[in-house]
PDB file of N, CA and C in Angstrom:
ATOM      1  N   MET A   1     117.088 -28.635  76.665  1.00  0.00           N
ATOM      2  CA  MET A   1     116.469 -28.971  75.405  1.00  0.00           C
ATOM      3  C   MET A   1     115.419 -27.926  75.043  1.00  0.00           C
ATOM      4  N   SER A   2     115.292 -27.665  73.806  1.00  0.00           N
ATOM      5  CA  SER A   2     114.342 -26.696  73.314  1.00  0.00           C
ATOM      6  C   SER A   2     112.913 -27.242  73.390  1.00  0.00           C
ATOM      7  N   LEU A   3     111.977 -26.353  73.673  1.00  0.00           N
ATOM      8  CA  LEU A   3     110.575 -26.763  73.728  1.00  0.00           C
ATOM      9  C   LEU A   3     110.103 -27.263  72.370  1.00  0.00           C
ATOM     10  N   LEU A   4     110.554 -26.628  71.314  1.00  0.00           N
ATOM     11  CA  LEU A   4     110.176 -27.043  69.969  1.00  0.00           C
ATOM     12  C   LEU A   4     110.661 -28.460  69.676  1.00  0.00           C
ATOM     13  N   PHE A   5     111.885 -28.779  70.071  1.00  0.00           N
ATOM     14  CA  PHE A   5     112.414 -30.129  69.884  1.00  0.00           C
ATOM     15  C   PHE A   5     111.621 -31.146  70.697  1.00  0.00           C
ATOM     16  N   ARG A   6     111.292 -30.794  71.928  1.00  0.00           N
ATOM     17  CA  ARG A   6     110.510 -31.709  72.773  1.00  0.00           C
ATOM     18  C   ARG A   6     109.141 -31.986  72.157  1.00  0.00           C
ATOM     19  N   LEU A   7     108.493 -30.954  71.644  1.00  0.00           N
ATOM     20  CA  LEU A   7     107.200 -31.152  70.992  1.00  0.00           C
ATOM     21  C   LEU A   7     107.327 -31.968  69.711  1.00  0.00           C
ATOM     22  N   ALA A   8     108.420 -31.741  68.979  1.00  0.00           N
ATOM     23  CA  ALA A   8     108.650 -32.481  67.736  1.00  0.00           C
ATOM     24  C   ALA A   8     108.848 -33.969  67.999  1.00  0.00           C
ATOM     25  N   VAL A   9     109.291 -34.323  69.181  1.00  0.00           N
ATOM     26  CA  VAL A   9     109.441 -35.731  69.543  1.00  0.00           C
ATOM     27  C   VAL A   9     108.170 -36.254  70.210  1.00  0.00           C
ATOM     28  N   TYR A  10     107.591 -35.456  71.098  1.00  0.00           N
ATOM     29  CA  TYR A  10     106.451 -35.890  71.917  1.00  0.00           C
ATOM     30  C   TYR A  10     105.204 -36.197  71.091  1.00  0.00           C
ATOM     31  N   ILE A  11     104.857 -35.322  70.167  1.00  0.00           N
ATOM     32  CA  ILE A  11     103.605 -35.481  69.421  1.00  0.00           C
ATOM     33  C   ILE A  11     103.623 -36.714  68.510  1.00  0.00           C
ATOM     34  N   PRO A  12     104.664 -36.959  67.712  1.00  0.00           N
ATOM     35  CA  PRO A  12     104.657 -38.188  66.900  1.00  0.00           C
ATOM     36  C   PRO A  12     104.676 -39.471  67.738  1.00  0.00           C
ATOM     37  N   VAL A  13     105.406 -39.455  68.846  1.00  0.00           N
ATOM     38  CA  VAL A  13     105.421 -40.638  69.709  1.00  0.00           C
ATOM     39  C   VAL A  13     104.039 -40.869  70.312  1.00  0.00           C
ATOM     40  N   LEU A  14     103.387 -39.803  70.723  1.00  0.00           N
ATOM     41  CA  LEU A  14     102.031 -39.913  71.254  1.00  0.00           C
ATOM     42  C   LEU A  14     101.079 -40.469  70.196  1.00  0.00           C
ATOM     43  N   PHE A  15     101.234 -40.019  68.949  1.00  0.00           N
ATOM     44  CA  PHE A  15     100.395 -40.517  67.859  1.00  0.00           C
ATOM     45  C   PHE A  15     100.647 -42.006  67.610  1.00  0.00           C
ATOM     46  N   LEU A  16     101.905 -42.426  67.632  1.00  0.00           N
ATOM     47  CA  LEU A  16     102.206 -43.842  67.415  1.00  0.00           C
ATOM     48  C   LEU A  16     101.655 -44.708  68.536  1.00  0.00           C
ATOM     49  N   ILE A  17     101.718 -44.228  69.760  1.00  0.00           N
ATOM     50  CA  ILE A  17     101.120 -44.969  70.875  1.00  0.00           C
ATOM     51  C   ILE A  17      99.611 -45.057  70.697  1.00  0.00           C
ATOM     52  N   ALA A  18      98.991 -43.968  70.247  1.00  0.00           N
ATOM     53  CA  ALA A  18      97.548 -43.967  70.019  1.00  0.00           C
ATOM     54  C   ALA A  18      97.169 -44.953  68.918  1.00  0.00           C
ATOM     55  N   ILE A  19      98.000 -45.083  67.893  1.00  0.00           N
ATOM     56  CA  ILE A  19      97.720 -46.058  66.835  1.00  0.00           C
ATOM     57  C   ILE A  19      97.694 -47.475  67.410  1.00  0.00           C
ATOM     58  N   VAL A  20      98.643 -47.772  68.280  1.00  0.00           N
ATOM     59  CA  VAL A  20      98.684 -49.108  68.879  1.00  0.00           C
ATOM     60  C   VAL A  20      97.464 -49.344  69.754  1.00  0.00           C
ATOM     61  N   VAL A  21      97.090 -48.348  70.549  1.00  0.00           N
ATOM     62  CA  VAL A  21      95.951 -48.496  71.449  1.00  0.00           C
ATOM     63  C   VAL A  21      94.647 -48.621  70.669  1.00  0.00           C
ATOM     64  N   VAL A  22      94.458 -47.773  69.676  1.00  0.00           N
ATOM     65  CA  VAL A  22      93.198 -47.738  68.929  1.00  0.00           C
ATOM     66  C   VAL A  22      93.131 -48.868  67.901  1.00  0.00           C
ATOM     67  N   GLY A  23      94.280 -49.300  67.412  1.00  0.00           N
ATOM     68  CA  GLY A  23      94.302 -50.341  66.388  1.00  0.00           C
ATOM     69  C   GLY A  23      93.695 -51.654  66.825  1.00  0.00           C
ATOM     70  N   GLN A  24      93.604 -51.866  68.111  1.00  0.00           N
ATOM     71  CA  GLN A  24      93.015 -53.085  68.631  1.00  0.00           C
ATOM     72  C   GLN A  24      91.487 -53.069  68.534  1.00  0.00           C
ATOM     73  N   GLN A  25      90.900 -51.906  68.277  1.00  0.00           N
ATOM     74  CA  GLN A  25      89.444 -51.787  68.288  1.00  0.00           C
ATOM     75  C   GLN A  25      88.841 -51.488  66.919  1.00  0.00           C
ATOM     76  N   HIS A  26      89.670 -51.248  65.897  1.00  0.00           N
ATOM     77  CA  HIS A  26      89.167 -50.903  64.578  1.00  0.00           C
ATOM     78  C   HIS A  26      89.688 -51.892  63.540  1.00  0.00           C
ATOM     79  N   VAL A  27      88.942 -51.989  62.439  1.00  0.00           N
ATOM     80  CA  VAL A  27      89.266 -52.985  61.419  1.00  0.00           C
ATOM     81  C   VAL A  27      90.110 -52.385  60.298  1.00  0.00           C
ATOM     82  N   THR A  28      89.699 -51.228  59.782  1.00  0.00           N
ATOM     83  CA  THR A  28      90.401 -50.658  58.633  1.00  0.00           C
ATOM     84  C   THR A  28      91.453 -49.643  59.081  1.00  0.00           C
ATOM     85  N   ALA A  29      92.397 -49.398  58.204  1.00  0.00           N
ATOM     86  CA  ALA A  29      93.457 -48.436  58.497  1.00  0.00           C
ATOM     87  C   ALA A  29      92.899 -47.020  58.591  1.00  0.00           C
ATOM     88  N   ARG A  30      91.932 -46.694  57.757  1.00  0.00           N
ATOM     89  CA  ARG A  30      91.342 -45.349  57.786  1.00  0.00           C
ATOM     90  C   ARG A  30      90.677 -45.069  59.136  1.00  0.00           C
ATOM     91  N   GLU A  31      89.905 -46.033  59.635  1.00  0.00           N
ATOM     92  CA  GLU A  31      89.266 -45.865  60.946  1.00  0.00           C
ATOM     93  C   GLU A  31      90.320 -45.738  62.051  1.00  0.00           C
ATOM     94  N   THR A  32      91.362 -46.529  61.949  1.00  0.00           N
ATOM     95  CA  THR A  32      92.406 -46.522  62.961  1.00  0.00           C
ATOM     96  C   THR A  32      93.125 -45.183  63.000  1.00  0.00           C
ATOM     97  N   VAL A  33      93.483 -44.639  61.835  1.00  0.00           N
ATOM     98  CA  VAL A  33      94.210 -43.364  61.794  1.00  0.00           C
ATOM     99  C   VAL A  33      93.332 -42.221  62.284  1.00  0.00           C
ATOM    100  N   HIS A  34      92.051 -42.214  61.897  1.00  0.00           N
ATOM    101  CA  HIS A  34      91.153 -41.145  62.355  1.00  0.00           C
ATOM    102  C   HIS A  34      90.966 -41.218  63.869  1.00  0.00           C
ATOM    103  N   ALA A  35      90.761 -42.391  64.388  1.00  0.00           N
ATOM    104  CA  ALA A  35      90.575 -42.545  65.828  1.00  0.00           C
ATOM    105  C   ALA A  35      91.864 -42.216  66.580  1.00  0.00           C
ATOM    106  N   ALA A  36      93.008 -42.591  66.019  1.00  0.00           N
ATOM    107  CA  ALA A  36      94.287 -42.282  66.662  1.00  0.00           C
ATOM    108  C   ALA A  36      94.540 -40.773  66.674  1.00  0.00           C
ATOM    109  N   ALA A  37      94.175 -40.085  65.613  1.00  0.00           N
ATOM    110  CA  ALA A  37      94.340 -38.627  65.574  1.00  0.00           C
ATOM    111  C   ALA A  37      93.463 -37.960  66.624  1.00  0.00           C
ATOM    112  N   ARG A  38      92.213 -38.414  66.739  1.00  0.00           N
ATOM    113  CA  ARG A  38      91.318 -37.858  67.756  1.00  0.00           C
ATOM    114  C   ARG A  38      91.858 -38.121  69.156  1.00  0.00           C
ATOM    115  N   ARG A  39      92.337 -39.340  69.387  1.00  0.00           N
ATOM    116  CA  ARG A  39      92.862 -39.685  70.705  1.00  0.00           C
ATOM    117  C   ARG A  39      94.132 -38.889  71.009  1.00  0.00           C
ATOM    118  N   THR A  40      94.971 -38.666  70.003  1.00  0.00           N
ATOM    119  CA  THR A  40      96.183 -37.870  70.205  1.00  0.00           C
ATOM    120  C   THR A  40      95.819 -36.450  70.608  1.00  0.00           C
ATOM    121  N   LEU A  41      94.832 -35.868  69.945  1.00  0.00           N
ATOM    122  CA  LEU A  41      94.395 -34.520  70.305  1.00  0.00           C
ATOM    123  C   LEU A  41      93.833 -34.484  71.723  1.00  0.00           C
ATOM    124  N   ARG A  42      93.082 -35.517  72.090  1.00  0.00           N
ATOM    125  CA  ARG A  42      92.541 -35.587  73.445  1.00  0.00           C
ATOM    126  C   ARG A  42      93.666 -35.693  74.467  1.00  0.00           C
ATOM    127  N   TRP A  43      94.670 -36.527  74.178  1.00  0.00           N
ATOM    128  CA  TRP A  43      95.808 -36.673  75.085  1.00  0.00           C
ATOM    129  C   TRP A  43      96.625 -35.391  75.169  1.00  0.00           C
ATOM    130  N   LEU A  44      96.748 -34.663  74.061  1.00  0.00           N
ATOM    131  CA  LEU A  44      97.444 -33.375  74.100  1.00  0.00           C
ATOM    132  C   LEU A  44      96.695 -32.374  74.974  1.00  0.00           C
ATOM    133  N   GLY A  45      95.370 -32.414  74.904  1.00  0.00           N
ATOM    134  CA  GLY A  45      94.559 -31.565  75.778  1.00  0.00           C
ATOM    135  C   GLY A  45      94.784 -31.900  77.242  1.00  0.00           C
ATOM    136  N   TRP A  46      94.786 -33.182  77.562  1.00  0.00           N
ATOM    137  CA  TRP A  46      95.047 -33.598  78.940  1.00  0.00           C
ATOM    138  C   TRP A  46      96.458 -33.215  79.374  1.00  0.00           C
ATOM    139  N   THR A  47      97.406 -33.283  78.457  1.00  0.00           N
ATOM    140  CA  THR A  47      98.777 -32.885  78.769  1.00  0.00           C
ATOM    141  C   THR A  47      98.821 -31.405  79.144  1.00  0.00           C
ATOM    142  N   LEU A  48      98.131 -30.573  78.378  1.00  0.00           N
ATOM    143  CA  LEU A  48      98.091 -29.139  78.684  1.00  0.00           C
ATOM    144  C   LEU A  48      97.430 -28.870  80.033  1.00  0.00           C
ATOM    145  N   VAL A  49      96.359 -29.595  80.334  1.00  0.00           N
ATOM    146  CA  VAL A  49      95.679 -29.429  81.625  1.00  0.00           C
ATOM    147  C   VAL A  49      96.618 -29.814  82.767  1.00  0.00           C
ATOM    148  N   LEU A  50      97.287 -30.953  82.638  1.00  0.00           N
ATOM    149  CA  LEU A  50      98.179 -31.403  83.701  1.00  0.00           C
ATOM    150  C   LEU A  50      99.383 -30.476  83.870  1.00  0.00           C
ATOM    151  N   LEU A  51      99.942 -29.985  82.760  1.00  0.00           N
ATOM    152  CA  LEU A  51     101.058 -29.043  82.856  1.00  0.00           C
ATOM    153  C   LEU A  51     100.633 -27.736  83.514  1.00  0.00           C
ATOM    154  N   THR A  52      99.422 -27.285  83.224  1.00  0.00           N
ATOM    155  CA  THR A  52      98.909 -26.068  83.848  1.00  0.00           C
ATOM    156  C   THR A  52      98.743 -26.257  85.346  1.00  0.00           C
ATOM    157  N   ILE A  53      98.211 -27.404  85.747  1.00  0.00           N
ATOM    158  CA  ILE A  53      98.044 -27.688  87.175  1.00  0.00           C
ATOM    159  C   ILE A  53      99.407 -27.767  87.859  1.00  0.00           C
ATOM    160  N   MET A  54     100.362 -28.428  87.219  1.00  0.00           N
ATOM    161  CA  MET A  54     101.693 -28.544  87.814  1.00  0.00           C
ATOM    162  C   MET A  54     102.350 -27.175  87.947  1.00  0.00           C
ATOM    163  N   LEU A  55     102.195 -26.323  86.953  1.00  0.00           N
ATOM    164  CA  LEU A  55     102.765 -24.977  87.025  1.00  0.00           C
ATOM    165  C   LEU A  55     102.103 -24.166  88.134  1.00  0.00           C
ATOM    166  N   ALA A  56     100.780 -24.286  88.258  1.00  0.00           N
ATOM    167  CA  ALA A  56     100.069 -23.567  89.318  1.00  0.00           C
ATOM    168  C   ALA A  56     100.524 -24.042  90.698  1.00  0.00           C
ATOM    169  N   LEU A  57     100.695 -25.343  90.873  1.00  0.00           N
ATOM    170  CA  LEU A  57     101.179 -25.854  92.154  1.00  0.00           C
ATOM    171  C   LEU A  57     102.614 -25.411  92.414  1.00  0.00           C
ATOM    172  N   ASP A  58     103.415 -25.349  91.374  1.00  0.00           N
ATOM    173  CA  ASP A  58     104.788 -24.885  91.516  1.00  0.00           C
ATOM    174  C   ASP A  58     104.821 -23.440  91.985  1.00  0.00           C
ATOM    175  N   VAL A  59     104.007 -22.597  91.383  1.00  0.00           N
ATOM    176  CA  VAL A  59     103.955 -21.186  91.776  1.00  0.00           C
ATOM    177  C   VAL A  59     103.407 -21.057  93.190  1.00  0.00           C
ATOM    178  N   PHE A  60     102.422 -21.897  93.535  1.00  0.00           N
ATOM    179  CA  PHE A  60     101.817 -21.834  94.874  1.00  0.00           C
ATOM    180  C   PHE A  60     102.803 -22.283  95.945  1.00  0.00           C
ATOM    181  N   VAL A  61     103.546 -23.360  95.696  1.00  0.00           N
ATOM    182  CA  VAL A  61     104.436 -23.913  96.709  1.00  0.00           C
ATOM    183  C   VAL A  61     105.767 -23.171  96.759  1.00  0.00           C
ATOM    184  N   ILE A  62     106.386 -22.966  95.593  1.00  0.00           N
ATOM    185  CA  ILE A  62     107.724 -22.382  95.556  1.00  0.00           C
ATOM    186  C   ILE A  62     107.672 -20.872  95.382  1.00  0.00           C
ATOM    187  N   GLY A  63     106.727 -20.392  94.620  1.00  0.00           N
ATOM    188  CA  GLY A  63     106.631 -18.960  94.355  1.00  0.00           C
ATOM    189  C   GLY A  63     107.189 -18.627  92.980  1.00  0.00           C
ATOM    190  N   TRP A  64     106.913 -17.438  92.549  1.00  0.00           N
ATOM    191  CA  TRP A  64     107.349 -17.031  91.209  1.00  0.00           C
ATOM    192  C   TRP A  64     108.770 -16.630  91.308  1.00  0.00           C
TER     193      TRP A  64
END
């Protein structure tokens, strides 16, 4: 599968999950969407950190 296709699926699904998680704590739709966008960006950052760590461990254990 192409990386572009994976990102095209991953990011909207992550945003929809964030809406469900954040929607329980906010009253208006505007607050919910803003908080979900922030949380999605935070989760994308964590995804990049975890992928970097996994790649580093892969190179360390298996080699380039």
